[in-house]
N, C-alpha and C. Protein backbone atom coordinates (compact mmCIF):
# COMPACT_ATOMS: atom_id res chain seq x y z
N UNK A 1 0.93 -1.16 0.43
CA UNK A 1 0.09 0.07 -0.24
C UNK A 1 0.56 1.57 -0.22
N UNK A 2 0.76 2.06 -0.58
CA UNK A 2 1.40 3.60 -0.88
C UNK A 2 1.31 4.67 0.12
N UNK A 3 1.89 5.41 0.29
CA UNK A 3 1.69 6.11 1.90
C UNK A 3 0.51 7.38 1.17
N UNK A 4 -0.20 7.12 0.26
CA UNK A 4 -1.20 8.11 0.26
C UNK A 4 -2.32 7.09 0.45
N UNK A 5 -2.51 5.58 0.27
CA UNK A 5 -3.86 5.07 0.13
C UNK A 5 -4.78 5.34 1.64
N UNK A 6 -3.92 5.54 2.70
CA UNK A 6 -4.69 5.53 3.96
C UNK A 6 -5.47 6.46 3.76
N UNK A 7 -4.72 7.58 3.41
CA UNK A 7 -5.01 8.96 3.24
C UNK A 7 -6.77 9.05 2.94
N UNK A 8 -6.30 8.23 1.25
CA UNK A 8 -7.46 8.45 0.44
C UNK A 8 -8.73 7.62 1.08
N UNK A 9 -8.60 6.85 1.41
CA UNK A 9 -9.58 5.21 2.50
C UNK A 9 -10.21 6.34 3.33
N UNK A 10 -9.42 7.38 4.17
CA UNK A 10 -10.18 7.81 4.73
C UNK A 10 -11.07 9.27 4.62
N UNK A 11 -10.64 9.83 3.37
CA UNK A 11 -11.06 10.80 2.60
C UNK A 11 -12.39 10.18 1.62
N UNK A 12 -12.94 8.55 2.07
CA UNK A 12 -13.64 8.31 0.48
C UNK A 12 -13.33 8.35 -0.55
N UNK A 13 -11.58 8.63 -1.04
CA UNK A 13 -11.70 8.29 -2.17
C UNK A 13 -10.92 7.68 -2.52
N UNK A 14 -10.77 6.92 -4.10
CA UNK A 14 -10.45 5.87 -4.06
C UNK A 14 -9.19 5.76 -5.06
N UNK A 15 -8.05 5.68 -4.83
CA UNK A 15 -6.63 6.00 -5.76
C UNK A 15 -6.30 5.40 -6.39
N UNK A 16 -7.66 4.59 -6.83
CA UNK A 16 -6.59 3.31 -7.98
C UNK A 16 -7.60 3.95 -9.42
N UNK A 17 -8.60 5.26 -9.27
CA UNK A 17 -9.48 5.66 -10.58
C UNK A 17 -8.74 6.65 -10.61
N UNK A 18 -7.67 6.98 -10.09
CA UNK A 18 -6.83 8.11 -10.81
C UNK A 18 -5.26 8.15 -11.00
N UNK A 19 -5.32 9.24 -12.57
CA UNK A 19 -3.69 9.09 -12.94
C UNK A 19 -2.78 8.75 -11.52
N UNK A 20 -1.38 8.62 -12.68
CA UNK A 20 -0.81 8.57 -11.15
C UNK A 20 -0.08 10.33 -11.25
N UNK A 21 -0.44 11.00 -11.47
CA UNK A 21 -0.58 12.75 -11.88
C UNK A 21 -1.17 13.28 -10.57
N UNK A 22 -2.44 12.51 -11.28
CA UNK A 22 -3.42 13.06 -10.27
C UNK A 22 -3.10 12.87 -8.50
N UNK A 23 -2.90 10.91 -8.52
CA UNK A 23 -2.31 11.27 -7.05
C UNK A 23 -1.48 11.38 -6.41
N UNK A 24 -0.37 11.96 -7.12
CA UNK A 24 0.98 13.42 -6.93
C UNK A 24 -0.03 14.69 -6.27
N UNK A 25 -0.30 14.96 -7.21
CA UNK A 25 -1.18 16.30 -6.60
C UNK A 25 -2.40 16.05 -5.41
N UNK A 26 -2.46 14.96 -5.32
CA UNK A 26 -3.93 14.37 -4.50
C UNK A 26 -2.99 14.59 -2.91
N UNK A 27 -1.53 14.04 -3.35
CA UNK A 27 -0.63 13.49 -2.33
C UNK A 27 0.05 14.90 -1.57
N UNK A 28 -0.02 15.68 -2.53
CA UNK A 28 0.48 17.06 -1.97
C UNK A 28 -0.48 17.72 -1.92
N UNK A 29 -1.48 17.33 -2.19
CA UNK A 29 -2.37 18.12 -1.04
C UNK A 29 -3.12 17.93 0.31
N UNK A 30 -2.95 17.03 0.44
CA UNK A 30 -2.48 16.05 1.59
C UNK A 30 -1.53 16.20 2.99
N UNK A 31 -0.80 16.39 2.17
CA UNK A 31 0.29 16.78 2.33
C UNK A 31 0.21 18.12 3.46
N UNK A 32 0.32 19.09 2.43
CA UNK A 32 -0.29 20.72 2.40
C UNK A 32 -1.17 20.93 3.63
N UNK A 33 -2.25 19.84 3.89
CA UNK A 33 -2.93 20.32 4.89
C UNK A 33 -2.87 19.98 6.14
N UNK A 34 -2.23 18.58 5.74
CA UNK A 34 -1.55 18.01 7.31
C UNK A 34 -0.08 19.02 8.05
N UNK A 35 0.48 19.35 7.23
CA UNK A 35 1.69 20.38 7.34
C UNK A 35 1.05 21.55 8.15
N UNK A 36 -0.14 22.18 7.92
CA UNK A 36 -0.81 22.81 8.87
C UNK A 36 -1.14 22.82 10.16
N UNK A 37 -1.97 21.94 9.74
CA UNK A 37 -2.58 21.76 11.22
C UNK A 37 -1.33 21.65 12.24
N UNK A 38 -0.49 20.50 11.59
CA UNK A 38 0.80 20.16 13.10
C UNK A 38 1.23 21.85 12.77
N UNK A 39 1.70 22.01 12.28
CA UNK A 39 1.71 24.23 12.09
C UNK A 39 0.59 24.62 12.96
N UNK A 40 -0.25 24.41 13.01
CA UNK A 40 -1.57 25.57 13.79
C UNK A 40 -1.28 24.49 15.33
N UNK A 41 -0.91 23.01 15.67
CA UNK A 41 -0.34 23.03 17.15
C UNK A 41 0.96 24.08 17.23
N UNK A 42 2.07 23.82 16.87
CA UNK A 42 2.60 24.38 16.80
C UNK A 42 2.13 25.90 17.63
N UNK A 43 1.76 26.37 17.11
CA UNK A 43 1.15 27.89 16.87
C UNK A 43 1.09 28.17 18.22
N UNK A 44 0.42 27.20 19.06
CA UNK A 44 -0.04 26.84 19.99
C UNK A 44 0.42 26.60 21.20
N UNK A 45 1.25 26.18 20.86
CA UNK A 45 2.92 25.84 22.05
C UNK A 45 3.42 26.96 22.06
N UNK A 46 3.41 27.82 21.14
CA UNK A 46 4.43 28.59 21.03
C UNK A 46 3.55 30.55 21.18
N UNK A 47 2.36 30.20 21.67
CA UNK A 47 1.51 31.30 21.51
C UNK A 47 1.75 32.50 22.62
N UNK A 48 1.83 32.30 24.01
CA UNK A 48 2.71 32.96 24.82
C UNK A 48 3.79 33.31 24.22
N UNK A 49 5.03 32.72 23.76
CA UNK A 49 6.10 33.21 23.35
C UNK A 49 5.96 34.32 22.79
N UNK A 50 5.13 33.95 21.99
CA UNK A 50 4.79 34.77 21.26
C UNK A 50 4.56 36.07 21.41
N UNK A 51 3.62 35.97 22.17
CA UNK A 51 2.58 37.58 22.45
C UNK A 51 3.63 37.77 23.63
N UNK A 52 4.64 37.43 24.16
CA UNK A 52 5.39 38.38 24.86
C UNK A 52 6.74 39.26 24.10
N UNK A 53 6.67 38.30 23.46
CA UNK A 53 7.94 39.40 22.87
C UNK A 53 7.28 40.06 21.29
N UNK A 54 5.69 40.29 21.49
CA UNK A 54 5.00 41.06 20.34
C UNK A 54 5.68 41.09 18.95
N UNK A 55 5.72 39.16 18.85
CA UNK A 55 5.27 39.20 17.35
C UNK A 55 4.84 39.47 16.51
N UNK A 56 4.76 39.89 15.06
CA UNK A 56 4.08 40.01 13.91
C UNK A 56 3.84 38.48 13.86
N UNK A 57 2.47 38.55 12.99
CA UNK A 57 2.28 37.47 12.18
C UNK A 57 3.31 36.60 11.64
N UNK A 58 3.81 37.51 10.35
CA UNK A 58 4.93 37.24 9.74
C UNK A 58 5.89 36.43 10.41
N UNK A 59 6.48 37.63 11.56
CA UNK A 59 7.47 37.14 12.30
C UNK A 59 7.37 35.58 13.12
N UNK A 60 5.88 35.47 13.44
CA UNK A 60 5.61 33.51 13.60
C UNK A 60 5.71 32.89 12.77
N UNK A 61 5.15 33.48 11.26
CA UNK A 61 5.03 32.09 10.32
C UNK A 61 6.93 31.79 9.97
N UNK A 62 7.95 33.25 10.15
CA UNK A 62 9.08 32.78 10.14
C UNK A 62 9.56 31.84 11.37
N UNK A 63 9.75 32.24 12.29
CA UNK A 63 10.52 31.29 13.24
C UNK A 63 9.53 30.10 12.97
N UNK A 64 8.17 29.71 13.27
CA UNK A 64 7.91 28.76 12.68
C UNK A 64 7.90 27.12 11.04
N UNK A 65 7.77 28.26 10.60
CA UNK A 65 9.05 27.51 9.20
C UNK A 65 10.29 27.25 9.35
N UNK A 66 10.78 27.86 10.30
CA UNK A 66 12.41 27.52 10.26
C UNK A 66 12.59 26.35 11.05
N UNK A 67 12.13 26.61 12.24
CA UNK A 67 11.92 25.54 13.33
C UNK A 67 11.18 24.60 13.22
N UNK A 68 9.84 24.13 12.90
CA UNK A 68 9.22 23.27 12.21
C UNK A 68 9.92 21.59 12.35
N UNK A 69 10.97 21.03 11.12
CA UNK A 69 11.25 20.20 11.36
C UNK A 69 11.96 19.57 12.81
N UNK A 70 12.68 20.17 13.18
CA UNK A 70 13.55 20.41 14.47
C UNK A 70 12.36 20.22 16.19
N UNK A 71 11.45 21.22 15.76
CA UNK A 71 10.26 20.73 16.78
C UNK A 71 9.35 19.41 16.62
N UNK A 72 9.61 19.22 15.35
CA UNK A 72 8.28 17.83 15.25
C UNK A 72 9.28 16.03 15.66
N UNK A 73 10.47 16.81 15.03
CA UNK A 73 11.49 15.51 16.38
C UNK A 73 11.84 15.84 17.27
N UNK A 74 12.23 16.55 17.83
CA UNK A 74 12.33 16.47 19.92
C UNK A 74 10.61 16.37 20.09
N UNK A 75 9.55 16.91 19.38
CA UNK A 75 8.82 16.05 19.80
C UNK A 75 7.73 14.44 19.64
N UNK A 76 9.08 14.71 18.30
CA UNK A 76 8.74 12.67 18.53
C UNK A 76 9.57 12.12 19.34
N UNK A 77 10.89 12.10 19.72
CA UNK A 77 11.79 11.77 19.72
C UNK A 77 11.17 12.01 21.93
N UNK A 78 10.89 13.13 22.40
CA UNK A 78 10.04 13.44 23.84
C UNK A 78 9.15 12.73 24.04
N UNK A 79 8.00 11.82 22.92
CA UNK A 79 7.62 10.76 23.33
C UNK A 79 7.51 10.04 24.01
N UNK A 80 8.45 9.14 23.85
CA UNK A 80 9.64 7.82 23.81
C UNK A 80 9.59 6.96 22.87
N UNK A 81 8.34 6.79 22.14
CA UNK A 81 8.03 6.13 20.89
C UNK A 81 9.12 5.90 20.17
N UNK A 82 9.72 6.79 19.89
CA UNK A 82 10.93 7.12 18.47
C UNK A 82 12.22 7.32 19.29
N UNK A 83 13.34 6.40 18.19
CA UNK A 83 14.48 7.03 18.74
C UNK A 83 15.38 7.46 17.49
N UNK A 84 16.26 8.40 17.73
CA UNK A 84 17.10 9.23 17.07
C UNK A 84 17.99 8.11 15.19
N UNK A 85 18.09 7.37 16.01
CA UNK A 85 18.15 5.89 15.35
C UNK A 85 17.46 4.90 14.28
N UNK A 86 16.46 5.09 15.04
CA UNK A 86 14.80 4.52 14.21
C UNK A 86 14.47 5.67 12.93
N UNK A 87 14.37 7.13 13.72
CA UNK A 87 13.92 7.92 12.93
C UNK A 87 14.92 7.95 11.87
N UNK A 88 16.77 7.94 11.94
CA UNK A 88 17.62 7.86 11.02
C UNK A 88 16.97 6.97 9.66
N UNK A 89 16.64 5.64 10.15
CA UNK A 89 16.72 4.35 9.87
C UNK A 89 15.48 4.42 8.49
N UNK A 90 14.30 4.97 9.25
CA UNK A 90 12.60 4.96 8.54
C UNK A 90 12.73 6.10 7.46
N UNK A 91 13.90 7.26 7.71
CA UNK A 91 13.90 8.47 7.05
C UNK A 91 14.93 8.33 5.83
N UNK A 92 15.86 7.08 6.04
CA UNK A 92 16.77 6.89 5.48
C UNK A 92 18.18 8.07 4.95
N UNK A 93 17.97 8.69 6.29
CA UNK A 93 18.96 9.96 6.72
C UNK A 93 20.25 9.32 7.66
N UNK A 94 21.62 10.27 7.42
CA UNK A 94 22.42 10.21 8.07
C UNK A 94 22.14 10.68 9.81
N UNK A 95 22.65 9.79 10.77
CA UNK A 95 22.10 10.62 12.04
C UNK A 95 23.07 11.98 12.09
N UNK A 96 24.14 12.51 11.60
CA UNK A 96 24.75 13.60 11.68
C UNK A 96 23.75 14.61 10.98
N UNK A 97 22.77 13.85 10.43
CA UNK A 97 21.98 15.37 9.69
C UNK A 97 21.02 15.46 10.16
N UNK A 98 20.17 14.78 11.02
CA UNK A 98 19.22 15.00 11.88
C UNK A 98 19.77 15.86 13.38
N UNK A 99 21.07 15.87 14.07
CA UNK A 99 21.27 16.04 15.01
C UNK A 99 21.90 17.75 14.33
N UNK A 100 22.17 17.88 12.85
CA UNK A 100 22.22 19.68 12.77
C UNK A 100 20.29 20.04 12.45
N UNK A 101 19.87 18.33 12.24
CA UNK A 101 18.56 19.61 12.31
C UNK A 101 17.82 20.02 13.45
N UNK A 102 18.15 19.27 14.64
CA UNK A 102 18.15 19.20 15.60
C UNK A 102 18.52 20.53 15.95
N UNK A 103 19.74 20.57 16.01
CA UNK A 103 20.46 21.55 16.19
C UNK A 103 20.20 23.05 16.10
N UNK A 104 19.77 23.21 14.87
CA UNK A 104 19.06 24.50 14.02
C UNK A 104 19.58 24.62 12.85
N UNK A 105 20.82 24.27 13.06
CA UNK A 105 21.90 24.07 12.15
C UNK A 105 21.40 23.74 10.33
N UNK A 106 20.02 22.92 10.03
CA UNK A 106 19.39 22.77 8.30
C UNK A 106 18.20 22.99 8.43
N UNK A 107 17.50 24.28 8.95
CA UNK A 107 16.65 24.28 9.07
C UNK A 107 15.37 24.12 8.04
N UNK A 108 15.97 23.41 7.07
CA UNK A 108 15.46 23.80 5.40
C UNK A 108 15.46 22.06 4.82
N UNK A 109 15.34 20.78 6.06
CA UNK A 109 15.45 19.42 5.03
C UNK A 109 14.85 19.48 4.12
N UNK A 110 14.82 18.62 3.01
CA UNK A 110 13.75 18.19 1.72
C UNK A 110 12.72 17.38 2.64
N UNK A 111 11.81 17.75 1.20
CA UNK A 111 10.20 17.61 1.08
C UNK A 111 10.11 16.08 1.50
N UNK A 112 10.88 15.11 0.74
CA UNK A 112 10.91 13.57 1.28
C UNK A 112 11.57 13.32 2.25
N UNK A 113 12.20 13.81 3.12
CA UNK A 113 12.58 13.43 4.24
C UNK A 113 11.31 13.77 5.56
N UNK A 114 10.81 15.09 5.12
CA UNK A 114 9.85 15.14 6.33
C UNK A 114 8.43 14.62 5.54
N UNK A 115 8.62 14.40 4.05
CA UNK A 115 6.88 13.16 4.63
C UNK A 115 7.13 12.24 5.18
N UNK A 116 8.44 11.83 4.73
CA UNK A 116 9.12 10.34 5.37
C UNK A 116 8.64 10.04 7.21
N UNK A 117 8.77 11.37 7.54
CA UNK A 117 8.91 11.61 8.88
C UNK A 117 7.58 12.10 9.27
N UNK A 118 6.69 12.78 8.88
CA UNK A 118 5.18 12.63 8.83
C UNK A 118 4.52 10.97 9.04
N UNK A 119 5.13 9.90 7.64
CA UNK A 119 4.62 9.12 7.53
C UNK A 119 5.13 8.24 8.37
N UNK A 120 5.74 8.69 9.52
CA UNK A 120 6.46 7.62 10.49
C UNK A 120 5.30 7.93 12.00
N UNK A 121 5.37 8.81 11.78
CA UNK A 121 4.61 9.73 13.12
C UNK A 121 3.61 9.58 13.07
N UNK A 122 2.70 9.05 12.13
CA UNK A 122 1.62 8.68 11.40
C UNK A 122 0.87 7.47 12.17
N UNK A 123 2.46 6.53 11.99
CA UNK A 123 2.22 4.92 11.98
C UNK A 123 2.29 4.83 13.57
N UNK A 124 2.42 5.61 14.20
CA UNK A 124 2.21 6.05 15.66
C UNK A 124 0.89 6.07 16.53
N UNK A 125 0.70 7.97 15.44
CA UNK A 125 -0.83 8.77 15.99
C UNK A 125 -2.08 9.16 14.92
N UNK A 126 -1.51 7.79 14.33
CA UNK A 126 -3.43 6.92 13.72
C UNK A 126 -4.23 8.10 13.74
N UNK A 127 -4.85 7.91 15.12
CA UNK A 127 -6.21 8.39 15.59
C UNK A 127 -5.73 9.74 15.04
N UNK A 128 -4.82 10.99 15.64
CA UNK A 128 -4.43 11.92 15.55
C UNK A 128 -4.32 13.02 14.15
N UNK A 129 -3.65 11.60 12.81
CA UNK A 129 -4.26 11.82 11.95
C UNK A 129 -5.65 11.70 10.49
N UNK A 130 -6.47 10.91 11.76
CA UNK A 130 -7.44 10.09 10.96
C UNK A 130 -8.30 11.60 10.90
N UNK A 131 -8.13 12.20 12.47
CA UNK A 131 -8.73 13.69 12.82
C UNK A 131 -8.43 14.64 11.63
N UNK A 132 -7.54 14.77 11.97
CA UNK A 132 -6.66 15.91 10.85
C UNK A 132 -7.03 15.74 9.67
N UNK A 133 -7.25 14.31 8.68
CA UNK A 133 -8.30 14.59 6.94
C UNK A 133 -9.23 14.75 7.04
N UNK A 134 -10.04 13.64 8.60
CA UNK A 134 -11.76 14.39 8.45
C UNK A 134 -12.47 15.78 8.72
N UNK A 135 -11.02 16.74 10.00
CA UNK A 135 -11.49 17.48 9.90
C UNK A 135 -10.94 18.76 8.59
N UNK A 136 -10.04 18.52 7.64
CA UNK A 136 -9.83 19.29 6.28
C UNK A 136 -10.76 18.65 5.68
N UNK A 137 -11.15 17.68 5.58
CA UNK A 137 -12.35 17.40 4.56
C UNK A 137 -13.80 18.00 5.01
N UNK A 138 -13.79 18.30 6.29
CA UNK A 138 -14.89 18.94 6.97
C UNK A 138 -15.10 20.21 6.54
N UNK A 139 -13.79 21.14 6.08
CA UNK A 139 -13.54 22.41 6.36
C UNK A 139 -13.78 22.88 4.99
N UNK A 140 -14.33 21.92 3.57
CA UNK A 140 -13.88 22.12 2.30
C UNK A 140 -15.96 22.84 2.35
């Protein structure tokens, strides 16, 4: 089963009916929606910090973009469900690259890496991602 199939099934979409190009576009749409929900979750965590420093919305967005992957990995590690070695193995990324991301020296890793990271997290937090997909479908 491809990475997109579980999301399609949640949305009531039959992926076999679509061309490869449309499947890629659908995957990109799901990715953007999931990223946005995860970013909103992160924004809530930093809400008091942003208010204290009187950040503009633009500054908030910039900070969230620069720290998204780092904070996401740190949250995964702090949950106890993941190890750095496991994340490196699943994403096919050297551990030293993960250390660079966590240290903030690589704030913009590849989209493929981020997709694999979200796939890994989705394997543990299925209900959370199911809720994201359902919620995003209800918004439309």
